[in-house]
Amino acid sequence: MANSPHGGFLKDLVARDLPIRSQLLEESATLTSIVLTDRQLCDLELIISGGFSPLEGFLNEKDYKSVVDDLRLASGTLFSIPINLDVSQEDIDTLSLQPNKRVTLRDPRNDEPIAILTIQDIYTPDKVKEAVQVFGDNDLAHPAVKYLHQNVKEFYVGGNVQAVQPPVHYDYVAYRNTPAELRAYFQKLNWTRVVAFQTRNPMHRAHRELTVRAARSRQANVLINPVVGLTKPGDIDHFTRVRVYEAIIRRYPTGMAALSLLPLAMRMAGPREALWHAIIRKNHGSTHFIIGRDHAGPGKNSAGKDFYGPYDAQYLVEKYKDEIDIEVVPFQQVTYLPDSDEYVPSDEVPAGAKTLDISGTELRRRLRTGAHIPEWFSYPEVVALLRESHPPRSKQGFTVFLTGYHASKKESIARALQVALNQQGGRSISLLLGETIRGKLSSELGFSKRERDININRLGFVSAELTRAGAGVIVAPIAPYEEARQQARQEVEKSGGFFLVHVATPLEQAIAWDRDGVYERAKKGEIKGFTGIDDPYEVPKHAELTVNPAVESVAQIVRRIVLLLDQQGYFGDV
């Protein structure tokens, strides 16, 4: 039979509150509402489904402090990650939040009510202590620590919830199973021993081999249970990953494996996260859980060292294995032997045997360049799916972001570059000049620093969308502030290449080239906040290219930009 839930009972709040759903739905329309963040929505979905059993809501202060300090709820039940509903002082004041007040928790995607929270307390967390205790360090290089300090609001609200309805999903609905649904599925198929495999990455042949070995050694079935909530920034999107899982599951022996998606917001908390993952899989009915090397690790800290040891996660879960009552299956590193065309555990490789491997970095390079990915590493259908979603650079979009003073000739460079790239062919080219954006997208904005930043933020968004569609984008705003330029870079780089070109025309030369006399008007005080006169231009710190039209021709500069793009692989197929 399936494993018993953590704490002894599955807290399926949707089923519990179904008899009074109509009353709750009616009440939710009369209450003050909190619109959830994406992370809060993921957490709430797993609270009301029972995935976070024994939780019935967001942690109150007593439970929060106990989890942070001791990996336990105040009741003594093991729980390693604090599940919090954060709010701001403005939220508290505007919504009149206070103990015993009932509030509706709404889905940010469609404003639908998901649950009603009865507030038990409102408290101020010690974020530094939370970072150190939960994540092992207060280093902003850790994505969850950065999120904690830069995104999480200053107060936490604790209290239990009543479920109005689960969040609606429109993608891969057949694979989205609650703990109760998975348990019923296991019972129907008579799966009494289930090995759960957690992943946030595409699976390849080695993953199939190690999960099959784990299942056979335990006389169990395999549950491929990937996270499709929030994962590490930069991870491959879940749409691509699920298509990969659908393809690879057909490579398992018939009846051995099943696929179910987990709407979890990962914290990348290493050992604590591994323990949390084990509890969640236990709630979903699994009896065994594979824990890999550096499980849920975020990578390097600001000193260039790993946040966690490679086996810290395995050690911590092993420490509590009797209490959580789920068997840990250590992730065995497997190695490919070309002479026998098989994967074997690394510690079983015969002395002198030839081995082959492709690292994650090398795989990304081959996808980026279109280089061959052999069948011994990944199945052809998996490679085809990855190439479809992540084409080589020659088929990706990019943005060339020209920044410099007014009348620096950046517009002339932009227009000439558009002609050169259109001649090159291979993708559509969009030209977004400063005055075009101002007129079409930001006509209501002035020239204060805040309004300039809003303008560049809009420009970054449009550039990112065009880049995502595979276009070449040329933008040429003044963009005088470093922070706004960096935010534009971050937005575009989610979709493709970003190349910052500093058009470093000296101010005196730009003034001499100003045929409209704008600088003279600014000097006379007729124009306020003009870049270079009474408003600063912050020289870019991270430009891919610096050019100076005062000493180089426009043709020479365009040639340098085209060569840079070519060097980075944006022209021609490999």
Protein backbone atom coordinates (compact mmCIF):
# COMPACT_ATOMS: atom_id res chain seq x y z
CA MET A 1 0.00 0.00 0.00
CA ALA A 2 1.05 3.64 -0.43
CA ASN A 3 3.11 5.31 2.28
CA SER A 4 1.15 6.99 5.07
CA PRO A 5 1.01 10.81 4.97
CA HIS A 6 3.40 12.88 7.04
CA GLY A 7 1.86 13.42 10.46
CA GLY A 8 -0.50 10.47 10.00
CA PHE A 9 -3.32 12.14 8.06
CA LEU A 10 -3.56 13.63 4.58
CA LYS A 11 -4.73 17.21 5.00
CA ASP A 12 -6.74 17.36 1.78
CA LEU A 13 -8.49 20.67 2.45
CA VAL A 14 -10.25 20.70 -0.92
CA ALA A 15 -12.03 17.44 -0.07
CA ARG A 16 -12.59 18.50 3.55
CA ASP A 17 -14.26 21.79 2.59
CA LEU A 18 -16.14 20.54 -0.49
CA PRO A 19 -19.48 20.24 1.39
CA ILE A 20 -19.40 23.97 2.23
CA ARG A 21 -17.79 25.16 -1.00
CA SER A 22 -20.80 27.20 -2.12
CA GLN A 23 -20.92 29.03 1.22
CA LEU A 24 -17.16 29.71 1.09
CA LEU A 25 -17.39 30.95 -2.49
CA GLU A 26 -20.21 33.30 -1.53
CA GLU A 27 -18.32 34.53 1.52
CA SER A 28 -15.09 35.07 -0.46
CA ALA A 29 -16.81 37.73 -2.56
CA THR A 30 -17.59 39.77 0.57
CA LEU A 31 -14.12 39.69 2.15
CA THR A 32 -11.00 41.77 1.77
CA SER A 33 -8.67 40.09 -0.72
CA ILE A 34 -4.95 39.40 -0.93
CA VAL A 35 -3.73 38.73 -4.46
CA LEU A 36 -1.03 36.09 -4.15
CA THR A 37 2.42 36.12 -5.69
CA ASP A 38 3.44 33.23 -7.93
CA ARG A 39 5.36 31.61 -5.07
CA GLN A 40 2.47 32.02 -2.63
CA LEU A 41 0.11 30.49 -5.18
CA CYS A 42 2.36 27.42 -5.54
CA ASP A 43 2.55 27.10 -1.75
CA LEU A 44 -1.20 27.47 -1.30
CA GLU A 45 -1.96 24.87 -3.98
CA LEU A 46 0.15 22.31 -2.11
CA ILE A 47 -1.32 23.32 1.26
CA ILE A 48 -4.93 22.76 0.18
CA SER A 49 -4.16 19.55 -1.76
CA GLY A 50 -2.36 17.97 1.20
CA GLY A 51 1.05 18.04 -0.44
CA PHE A 52 2.38 19.98 2.55
CA SER A 53 0.64 17.82 5.17
CA PRO A 54 0.40 18.30 8.10
CA LEU A 55 0.13 22.03 7.30
CA GLU A 56 -3.36 23.52 7.09
CA GLY A 57 -2.24 27.06 6.34
CA PHE A 58 0.66 29.49 6.48
CA LEU A 59 2.96 29.27 9.50
CA ASN A 60 2.21 31.34 12.57
CA GLU A 61 5.12 32.91 14.44
CA LYS A 62 5.55 30.02 16.86
CA ASP A 63 5.70 27.44 14.06
CA TYR A 64 7.89 29.71 11.91
CA LYS A 65 10.52 30.14 14.61
CA SER A 66 10.46 26.43 15.40
CA VAL A 67 10.97 25.43 11.75
CA VAL A 68 13.77 27.95 11.28
CA ASP A 69 15.57 26.92 14.47
CA ASP A 70 14.84 23.21 14.76
CA LEU A 71 13.36 21.91 11.45
CA ARG A 72 10.14 21.15 13.33
CA LEU A 73 6.70 22.61 13.79
CA ALA A 74 5.85 23.71 17.32
CA SER A 75 4.03 20.38 17.71
CA GLY A 76 7.35 18.58 17.19
CA THR A 77 6.50 17.27 13.73
CA LEU A 78 9.43 17.40 11.33
CA PHE A 79 9.16 20.15 8.69
CA SER A 80 12.22 21.79 7.21
CA ILE A 81 11.10 24.79 5.10
CA PRO A 82 9.06 27.73 6.46
CA ILE A 83 5.90 28.31 4.42
CA ASN A 84 5.02 31.98 4.81
CA LEU A 85 2.47 34.49 3.54
CA ASP A 86 4.34 37.80 3.36
CA VAL A 87 2.63 41.20 3.36
CA SER A 88 3.77 44.82 3.52
CA GLN A 89 2.89 47.56 5.99
CA GLU A 90 0.86 49.13 3.21
CA ASP A 91 -1.08 45.86 2.82
CA ILE A 92 -1.74 45.77 6.57
CA ASP A 93 -2.96 49.36 6.63
CA THR A 94 -4.94 49.29 3.39
CA LEU A 95 -6.61 45.93 4.06
CA SER A 96 -6.92 46.44 7.85
CA LEU A 97 -5.25 43.10 8.48
CA GLN A 98 -5.43 41.91 12.08
CA PRO A 99 -5.84 38.67 14.06
CA ASN A 100 -9.18 36.86 13.61
CA LYS A 101 -9.92 38.73 10.38
CA ARG A 102 -10.89 36.53 7.42
CA VAL A 103 -9.44 37.38 4.03
CA THR A 104 -9.77 35.88 0.57
CA LEU A 105 -6.60 34.62 -1.11
CA ARG A 106 -6.81 35.12 -4.87
CA ASP A 107 -5.04 33.65 -7.89
CA PRO A 108 -2.87 36.39 -9.51
CA ARG A 109 -3.56 34.96 -12.99
CA ASN A 110 -7.35 35.24 -13.04
CA ASP A 111 -8.36 36.82 -9.70
CA GLU A 112 -10.31 33.69 -8.74
CA PRO A 113 -10.66 32.93 -5.00
CA ILE A 114 -8.57 29.94 -3.94
CA ALA A 115 -8.96 29.95 -0.16
CA ILE A 116 -10.12 31.95 2.84
CA LEU A 117 -7.49 32.63 5.49
CA THR A 118 -8.36 33.26 9.13
CA ILE A 119 -5.50 35.40 10.43
CA GLN A 120 -3.96 34.07 13.62
CA ASP A 121 -1.06 36.50 13.91
CA ILE A 122 1.05 39.04 12.04
CA TYR A 123 4.75 39.14 12.85
CA THR A 124 8.10 40.46 11.74
CA PRO A 125 10.57 37.76 10.63
CA ASP A 126 14.30 37.89 11.19
CA LYS A 127 15.28 37.58 7.54
CA VAL A 128 19.01 37.36 8.20
CA LYS A 129 18.49 34.51 10.65
CA GLU A 130 16.07 32.82 8.26
CA ALA A 131 18.66 33.03 5.47
CA VAL A 132 21.47 31.63 7.61
CA GLN A 133 19.43 28.86 9.24
CA VAL A 134 17.39 27.72 6.23
CA PHE A 135 19.78 28.39 3.35
CA GLY A 136 23.08 28.15 5.23
CA ASP A 137 24.25 31.68 4.37
CA ASN A 138 23.06 35.26 4.00
CA ASP A 139 24.78 35.49 0.60
CA LEU A 140 22.73 37.20 -2.14
CA ALA A 141 24.36 34.88 -4.68
CA HIS A 142 21.84 32.31 -3.40
CA PRO A 143 18.64 32.89 -5.43
CA ALA A 144 16.35 32.24 -2.47
CA VAL A 145 18.33 34.58 -0.19
CA LYS A 146 18.18 37.24 -2.88
CA TYR A 147 14.43 36.67 -3.20
CA LEU A 148 14.03 36.81 0.58
CA HIS A 149 15.71 40.20 0.87
CA GLN A 150 14.55 41.79 -2.38
CA ASN A 151 11.06 40.37 -2.98
CA VAL A 152 9.61 39.08 0.28
CA LYS A 153 7.70 41.78 2.17
CA GLU A 154 8.47 42.82 5.73
CA PHE A 155 5.70 40.99 7.64
CA TYR A 156 4.39 37.41 7.74
CA VAL A 157 0.74 36.48 8.28
CA GLY A 158 0.02 33.17 9.98
CA GLY A 159 -3.22 31.23 10.01
CA ASN A 160 -5.16 28.26 8.68
CA VAL A 161 -7.14 28.28 5.45
CA GLN A 162 -10.34 26.87 4.07
CA ALA A 163 -10.21 25.75 0.46
CA VAL A 164 -12.60 27.42 -1.97
CA GLN A 165 -11.22 25.77 -5.11
CA PRO A 166 -7.85 24.60 -6.45
CA PRO A 167 -6.03 26.82 -8.97
CA VAL A 168 -7.05 26.20 -12.58
CA HIS A 169 -4.36 24.93 -14.98
CA TYR A 170 -4.65 24.76 -18.74
CA ASP A 171 -1.42 22.87 -19.47
CA TYR A 172 -0.73 19.17 -18.99
CA VAL A 173 -3.86 18.72 -16.88
CA ALA A 174 -3.69 14.92 -17.18
CA TYR A 175 -0.34 14.92 -15.37
CA ARG A 176 -1.33 17.25 -12.53
CA ASN A 177 -2.28 14.90 -9.71
CA THR A 178 -3.08 15.72 -6.11
CA PRO A 179 -1.73 13.43 -3.37
CA ALA A 180 -5.15 11.76 -3.09
CA GLU A 181 -5.30 11.18 -6.85
CA LEU A 182 -1.80 9.69 -6.98
CA ARG A 183 -2.54 7.43 -4.03
CA ALA A 184 -5.69 6.18 -5.77
CA TYR A 185 -3.67 5.62 -8.96
CA PHE A 186 -1.05 3.56 -7.10
CA GLN A 187 -3.78 1.52 -5.45
CA LYS A 188 -5.53 0.87 -8.76
CA LEU A 189 -2.31 -0.40 -10.34
CA ASN A 190 -1.30 -2.26 -7.18
CA TRP A 191 1.93 -0.26 -6.89
CA THR A 192 3.01 -0.98 -3.32
CA ARG A 193 6.59 0.28 -3.66
CA VAL A 194 7.19 3.53 -5.53
CA VAL A 195 10.51 5.28 -6.14
CA ALA A 196 10.02 9.01 -6.71
CA PHE A 197 12.48 10.89 -8.91
CA GLN A 198 12.67 14.66 -8.45
CA THR A 199 13.96 16.77 -11.33
CA ARG A 200 13.88 20.33 -12.66
CA ASN A 201 15.93 19.52 -15.78
CA PRO A 202 15.37 17.55 -18.99
CA MET A 203 16.06 13.83 -18.67
CA HIS A 204 18.54 11.92 -20.80
CA ARG A 205 19.57 8.31 -21.19
CA ALA A 206 21.64 8.30 -17.97
CA HIS A 207 18.60 9.41 -15.94
CA ARG A 208 16.53 6.63 -17.41
CA GLU A 209 19.23 4.08 -16.59
CA LEU A 210 19.67 5.17 -12.97
CA THR A 211 15.91 5.28 -12.26
CA VAL A 212 15.42 1.83 -13.78
CA ARG A 213 18.33 0.48 -11.69
CA ALA A 214 16.83 2.07 -8.55
CA ALA A 215 13.42 0.54 -9.25
CA ARG A 216 14.78 -2.92 -9.98
CA SER A 217 16.99 -2.95 -6.89
CA ARG A 218 13.96 -2.10 -4.71
CA GLN A 219 11.43 -4.19 -6.68
CA ALA A 220 9.48 -0.97 -7.19
CA ASN A 221 7.85 1.25 -9.79
CA VAL A 222 9.10 4.69 -10.79
CA LEU A 223 7.31 8.01 -10.36
CA ILE A 224 8.86 10.72 -12.52
CA ASN A 225 7.84 13.74 -10.43
CA PRO A 226 9.30 16.93 -11.96
CA VAL A 227 8.80 20.38 -10.48
CA VAL A 228 6.73 22.68 -12.71
CA GLY A 229 6.18 25.55 -10.29
CA LEU A 230 9.11 27.90 -9.71
CA THR A 231 12.62 26.52 -10.16
CA LYS A 232 16.09 28.05 -10.39
CA PRO A 233 16.33 31.19 -12.54
CA GLY A 234 17.65 30.24 -15.96
CA ASP A 235 16.21 26.71 -15.96
CA ILE A 236 14.63 25.33 -19.12
CA ASP A 237 10.92 26.13 -19.25
CA HIS A 238 8.54 23.47 -18.00
CA PHE A 239 6.70 23.17 -21.33
CA THR A 240 9.87 21.89 -23.00
CA ARG A 241 10.74 19.68 -20.05
CA VAL A 242 7.32 18.01 -19.93
CA ARG A 243 7.50 17.23 -23.64
CA VAL A 244 10.88 15.61 -22.92
CA TYR A 245 9.43 13.59 -20.02
CA GLU A 246 6.57 12.44 -22.22
CA ALA A 247 9.08 11.22 -24.79
CA ILE A 248 11.46 9.51 -22.39
CA ILE A 249 8.80 7.71 -20.36
CA ARG A 250 8.05 5.65 -23.47
CA ARG A 251 11.59 4.28 -23.13
CA TYR A 252 10.77 2.57 -19.82
CA PRO A 253 9.55 -1.03 -19.65
CA THR A 254 5.78 -1.15 -20.00
CA GLY A 255 4.02 -0.51 -16.69
CA MET A 256 7.19 0.46 -14.82
CA ALA A 257 6.92 4.25 -14.72
CA ALA A 258 4.40 7.08 -14.45
CA LEU A 259 4.67 10.84 -14.88
CA SER A 260 3.11 13.33 -12.47
CA LEU A 261 3.85 17.06 -12.20
CA LEU A 262 4.49 18.89 -8.94
CA PRO A 263 3.47 22.59 -8.69
CA LEU A 264 6.23 23.37 -6.20
CA ALA A 265 8.07 26.66 -5.75
CA MET A 266 11.61 25.46 -5.11
CA ARG A 267 13.89 27.32 -2.70
CA MET A 268 17.16 25.63 -3.75
CA ALA A 269 17.84 25.05 -0.06
CA GLY A 270 20.04 21.97 -0.47
CA PRO A 271 19.83 19.63 2.55
CA ARG A 272 16.71 21.22 4.05
CA GLU A 273 15.04 21.21 0.65
CA ALA A 274 15.86 17.52 0.15
CA LEU A 275 14.16 16.70 3.45
CA TRP A 276 11.16 18.83 2.40
CA HIS A 277 11.04 17.06 -0.98
CA ALA A 278 11.04 13.68 0.78
CA ILE A 279 8.11 14.74 2.99
CA ILE A 280 6.16 15.98 -0.05
CA ARG A 281 6.76 12.71 -1.93
CA LYS A 282 5.71 10.75 1.13
CA ASN A 283 2.46 12.72 1.17
CA HIS A 284 1.95 11.77 -2.47
CA GLY A 285 2.30 8.08 -1.57
CA SER A 286 5.89 7.27 -2.55
CA THR A 287 7.84 4.81 -0.42
CA HIS A 288 11.32 5.63 -1.77
CA PHE A 289 12.96 8.85 -2.88
CA ILE A 290 16.05 9.33 -5.04
CA ILE A 291 18.39 12.02 -3.73
CA GLY A 292 21.20 13.05 -6.00
CA ARG A 293 24.55 14.71 -5.67
CA ASP A 294 24.10 18.33 -4.52
CA HIS A 295 20.33 17.86 -4.46
CA ALA A 296 18.52 21.22 -4.89
CA GLY A 297 21.81 23.08 -4.75
CA PRO A 298 21.92 26.63 -6.18
CA GLY A 299 25.51 26.46 -7.39
CA LYS A 300 28.35 28.75 -6.29
CA ASN A 301 28.35 31.39 -3.59
CA SER A 302 29.86 34.86 -4.01
CA ALA A 303 33.29 33.43 -3.15
CA GLY A 304 33.06 30.88 -5.97
CA LYS A 305 32.49 27.89 -3.67
CA ASP A 306 29.51 25.52 -3.59
CA PHE A 307 26.83 26.50 -1.09
CA TYR A 308 26.50 22.88 0.06
CA GLY A 309 28.64 19.78 0.09
CA PRO A 310 27.88 17.21 -2.63
CA TYR A 311 26.29 14.74 -0.21
CA ASP A 312 24.96 17.03 2.54
CA ALA A 313 21.39 16.46 1.35
CA GLN A 314 21.74 12.67 1.49
CA TYR A 315 23.24 12.86 4.98
CA LEU A 316 20.43 15.03 6.39
CA VAL A 317 17.59 12.94 4.96
CA GLU A 318 19.30 9.76 6.07
CA LYS A 319 19.47 11.23 9.60
CA TYR A 320 15.68 11.55 9.72
CA LYS A 321 14.72 8.56 7.55
CA ASP A 322 13.04 6.62 10.37
CA GLU A 323 10.98 9.65 11.38
CA ILE A 324 9.78 10.49 7.88
CA ASP A 325 9.42 6.79 7.01
CA ILE A 326 10.60 7.01 3.42
CA GLU A 327 13.65 5.17 2.14
CA VAL A 328 16.43 7.26 0.63
CA VAL A 329 17.83 5.95 -2.63
CA PRO A 330 21.23 7.59 -3.20
CA PHE A 331 21.67 8.87 -6.73
CA GLN A 332 24.31 6.64 -8.29
CA GLN A 333 26.50 8.40 -10.82
CA VAL A 334 26.50 6.31 -13.98
CA THR A 335 29.11 6.29 -16.75
CA TYR A 336 28.78 5.29 -20.39
CA LEU A 337 31.03 2.49 -21.69
CA PRO A 338 31.15 2.75 -25.51
CA ASP A 339 32.69 -0.69 -26.03
CA SER A 340 29.70 -2.43 -24.46
CA ASP A 341 27.16 0.35 -25.20
CA GLU A 342 25.87 0.52 -21.64
CA TYR A 343 25.72 2.72 -18.58
CA VAL A 344 27.14 1.34 -15.35
CA PRO A 345 27.65 2.85 -11.87
CA SER A 346 30.88 4.80 -11.82
CA ASP A 347 32.28 2.66 -9.01
CA GLU A 348 31.78 -0.46 -11.15
CA VAL A 349 33.74 0.70 -14.22
CA PRO A 350 36.45 -1.88 -15.00
CA ALA A 351 40.01 -0.67 -14.73
CA GLY A 352 41.24 0.72 -18.05
CA ALA A 353 37.78 0.75 -19.63
CA LYS A 354 37.05 3.54 -22.08
CA THR A 355 34.37 5.94 -20.84
CA LEU A 356 32.46 8.87 -22.37
CA ASP A 357 30.61 11.77 -20.83
CA ILE A 358 29.06 15.09 -21.83
CA SER A 359 28.84 17.73 -19.12
CA GLY A 360 25.91 20.11 -18.73
CA THR A 361 28.10 22.94 -19.98
CA GLU A 362 29.08 20.97 -23.06
CA LEU A 363 25.46 20.01 -23.74
CA ARG A 364 24.42 23.67 -23.62
CA ARG A 365 27.29 24.52 -26.00
CA ARG A 366 26.15 21.87 -28.48
CA LEU A 367 22.56 23.08 -28.33
CA ARG A 368 23.73 26.68 -28.76
CA THR A 369 25.95 25.92 -31.74
CA GLY A 370 23.89 23.11 -33.29
CA ALA A 371 26.74 20.62 -32.80
CA HIS A 372 26.02 16.86 -32.79
CA ILE A 373 24.57 15.25 -29.65
CA PRO A 374 25.19 11.47 -29.80
CA GLU A 375 22.50 8.86 -29.17
CA TRP A 376 24.49 7.25 -26.38
CA PHE A 377 23.95 10.47 -24.39
CA SER A 378 20.32 11.28 -25.21
CA TYR A 379 17.52 9.81 -27.27
CA PRO A 380 16.96 11.37 -30.72
CA GLU A 381 13.41 12.41 -29.87
CA VAL A 382 14.63 14.22 -26.74
CA VAL A 383 17.35 16.04 -28.66
CA ALA A 384 14.83 17.09 -31.31
CA LEU A 385 12.55 18.57 -28.65
CA LEU A 386 15.41 20.48 -27.04
CA ARG A 387 16.57 21.83 -30.38
CA GLU A 388 13.03 22.93 -31.20
CA SER A 389 12.77 24.97 -28.01
CA HIS A 390 16.41 26.02 -27.88
CA PRO A 391 17.60 26.52 -31.45
CA PRO A 392 21.25 27.30 -32.22
CA ARG A 393 22.31 30.93 -32.03
CA SER A 394 22.11 31.26 -35.78
CA LYS A 395 18.34 30.94 -35.38
CA GLN A 396 17.96 32.93 -32.15
CA GLY A 397 17.03 36.56 -31.76
CA PHE A 398 19.26 39.27 -30.32
CA THR A 399 19.17 42.92 -29.29
CA VAL A 400 21.85 45.50 -30.06
CA PHE A 401 21.41 48.30 -27.50
CA LEU A 402 23.13 51.53 -28.56
CA THR A 403 23.50 54.13 -25.80
CA GLY A 404 25.05 57.57 -25.85
CA TYR A 405 24.45 61.30 -25.79
CA HIS A 406 21.88 63.07 -27.92
CA ALA A 407 23.42 63.78 -31.34
CA SER A 408 26.16 61.19 -30.73
CA LYS A 409 25.33 59.59 -34.13
CA LYS A 410 23.89 56.48 -32.47
CA GLU A 411 20.78 56.86 -34.64
CA SER A 412 22.92 56.95 -37.80
CA ILE A 413 24.73 53.81 -36.64
CA ALA A 414 21.39 52.12 -35.86
CA ARG A 415 19.97 52.85 -39.31
CA ALA A 416 23.14 51.69 -41.07
CA LEU A 417 23.24 48.54 -38.94
CA GLN A 418 19.64 47.77 -39.88
CA VAL A 419 20.58 47.92 -43.57
CA ALA A 420 23.63 45.68 -43.02
CA LEU A 421 21.63 43.08 -41.08
CA ASN A 422 18.80 43.09 -43.61
CA GLN A 423 21.41 42.41 -46.28
CA GLN A 424 22.77 39.55 -44.14
CA GLY A 425 19.31 37.97 -44.05
CA GLY A 426 18.15 35.04 -41.92
CA ARG A 427 15.84 36.93 -39.56
CA SER A 428 13.62 40.01 -39.46
CA ILE A 429 15.24 43.19 -38.15
CA SER A 430 13.39 45.73 -36.00
CA LEU A 431 14.67 49.27 -35.46
CA LEU A 432 13.51 51.07 -32.29
CA LEU A 433 14.87 54.60 -32.17
CA GLY A 434 14.56 56.77 -29.09
CA GLU A 435 12.11 59.21 -30.63
CA THR A 436 9.98 56.35 -32.01
CA ILE A 437 9.62 54.74 -28.58
CA ARG A 438 8.91 58.11 -26.98
CA GLY A 439 6.20 58.85 -29.52
CA LYS A 440 4.56 55.42 -29.70
CA LEU A 441 4.98 53.92 -26.21
CA SER A 442 5.94 56.67 -23.77
CA SER A 443 4.36 59.89 -25.00
CA GLU A 444 2.95 60.65 -21.56
CA LEU A 445 6.36 60.45 -19.86
CA GLY A 446 8.64 63.33 -19.04
CA PHE A 447 12.39 63.23 -18.43
CA SER A 448 12.77 62.73 -14.68
CA LYS A 449 14.96 59.82 -13.66
CA ARG A 450 11.89 57.76 -12.74
CA GLU A 451 10.21 58.45 -16.08
CA ARG A 452 13.40 57.75 -18.02
CA ASP A 453 13.68 54.42 -16.20
CA ILE A 454 10.07 53.56 -17.06
CA ASN A 455 10.78 54.35 -20.71
CA ILE A 456 13.84 52.05 -20.79
CA ASN A 457 11.89 49.36 -18.95
CA ARG A 458 9.23 49.45 -21.67
CA LEU A 459 11.90 49.39 -24.34
CA GLY A 460 13.51 46.36 -22.69
CA PHE A 461 10.18 44.55 -22.58
CA VAL A 462 9.43 45.16 -26.27
CA SER A 463 12.98 44.19 -27.24
CA ALA A 464 12.73 40.98 -25.22
CA GLU A 465 9.47 39.97 -26.89
CA LEU A 466 10.89 40.58 -30.37
CA THR A 467 14.09 38.76 -29.43
CA ARG A 468 12.05 35.82 -28.14
CA ALA A 469 10.38 35.64 -31.55
CA GLY A 470 13.78 35.31 -33.23
CA ALA A 471 14.14 38.87 -34.53
CA GLY A 472 17.21 41.05 -34.56
CA VAL A 473 16.43 44.21 -32.58
CA ILE A 474 18.33 47.50 -32.76
CA VAL A 475 17.52 50.10 -30.11
CA ALA A 476 19.10 53.52 -29.76
CA PRO A 477 17.91 55.48 -26.72
CA ILE A 478 20.08 57.84 -24.68
CA ALA A 479 19.57 55.50 -21.66
CA PRO A 480 21.81 57.48 -19.31
CA TYR A 481 21.45 55.31 -16.18
CA GLU A 482 23.38 52.11 -15.54
CA GLU A 483 20.72 50.39 -13.45
CA ALA A 484 18.04 50.80 -16.13
CA ARG A 485 20.40 49.47 -18.82
CA GLN A 486 21.18 46.44 -16.66
CA GLN A 487 17.48 45.75 -16.12
CA ALA A 488 16.94 45.88 -19.88
CA ARG A 489 19.82 43.41 -20.31
CA GLN A 490 18.33 41.02 -17.77
CA GLU A 491 14.93 41.17 -19.47
CA VAL A 492 16.31 40.51 -22.97
CA GLU A 493 18.79 37.81 -21.94
CA LYS A 494 15.88 35.61 -20.86
CA SER A 495 15.06 35.36 -24.56
CA GLY A 496 18.32 35.74 -26.50
CA GLY A 497 21.48 37.76 -26.91
CA PHE A 498 22.01 41.29 -25.62
CA PHE A 499 24.86 43.48 -26.86
CA LEU A 500 25.39 46.85 -25.23
CA VAL A 501 27.24 49.26 -27.52
CA HIS A 502 28.45 52.46 -25.89
CA VAL A 503 28.55 55.21 -28.50
CA ALA A 504 31.25 57.17 -26.68
CA THR A 505 31.08 60.42 -28.63
CA PRO A 506 32.63 63.17 -26.48
CA LEU A 507 30.04 65.66 -25.20
CA GLU A 508 31.76 68.56 -26.98
CA GLN A 509 31.51 66.70 -30.30
CA ALA A 510 27.85 65.81 -29.72
CA ILE A 511 27.11 69.48 -29.05
CA ALA A 512 28.91 70.42 -32.27
CA TRP A 513 26.83 67.86 -34.23
CA ASP A 514 23.54 69.05 -32.69
CA ARG A 515 21.85 70.76 -35.66
CA ASP A 516 18.60 71.25 -33.69
CA GLY A 517 20.24 73.43 -31.07
CA VAL A 518 18.83 71.39 -28.21
CA TYR A 519 22.00 71.59 -26.14
CA GLU A 520 22.04 75.39 -26.46
CA ARG A 521 18.46 75.57 -25.23
CA ALA A 522 19.38 73.32 -22.30
CA LYS A 523 22.36 75.55 -21.45
CA LYS A 524 20.02 78.56 -21.38
CA GLY A 525 17.71 76.74 -19.00
CA GLU A 526 14.91 76.40 -21.52
CA ILE A 527 15.06 72.57 -21.16
CA LYS A 528 15.48 71.05 -17.71
CA GLY A 529 17.07 67.69 -16.88
CA PHE A 530 18.92 67.36 -20.17
CA THR A 531 21.57 64.62 -20.29
CA GLY A 532 25.08 66.06 -20.40
CA ILE A 533 24.04 69.55 -19.28
CA ASP A 534 22.20 69.35 -15.96
CA ASP A 535 21.60 65.61 -15.78
CA PRO A 536 24.36 62.95 -15.69
CA TYR A 537 25.24 60.26 -18.20
CA GLU A 538 26.57 57.20 -16.38
CA VAL A 539 29.26 55.56 -18.51
CA PRO A 540 28.41 51.86 -19.09
CA LYS A 541 30.42 49.42 -16.98
CA HIS A 542 29.59 46.31 -18.98
CA ALA A 543 29.49 47.31 -22.64
CA GLU A 544 30.28 44.58 -25.17
CA LEU A 545 31.63 47.25 -27.50
CA THR A 546 32.70 50.89 -27.17
CA VAL A 547 32.80 52.99 -30.33
CA ASN A 548 33.54 56.64 -31.08
CA PRO A 549 32.08 58.18 -34.26
CA ALA A 550 34.43 61.13 -33.82
CA VAL A 551 37.36 58.92 -34.84
CA GLU A 552 35.61 56.02 -36.64
CA SER A 553 33.25 56.09 -39.61
CA VAL A 554 29.74 54.75 -39.30
CA ALA A 555 30.66 51.99 -41.76
CA GLN A 556 33.62 50.93 -39.60
CA ILE A 557 31.46 50.85 -36.49
CA VAL A 558 28.75 48.80 -38.20
CA ARG A 559 31.40 46.35 -39.39
CA ARG A 560 32.64 45.93 -35.80
CA ILE A 561 29.14 45.21 -34.55
CA VAL A 562 28.46 42.69 -37.33
CA LEU A 563 31.77 40.94 -36.59
CA LEU A 564 30.85 40.75 -32.91
CA LEU A 565 27.51 39.13 -33.75
CA ASP A 566 29.21 36.72 -36.14
CA GLN A 567 31.82 35.81 -33.54
CA GLN A 568 29.02 34.93 -31.11
CA GLY A 569 27.42 32.58 -33.66
CA TYR A 570 24.40 34.59 -34.78
CA PHE A 571 25.12 34.20 -38.50
CA GLY A 572 25.28 30.96 -40.47
CA ASP A 573 24.64 27.34 -39.50
CA VAL A 574 27.27 25.08 -38.02
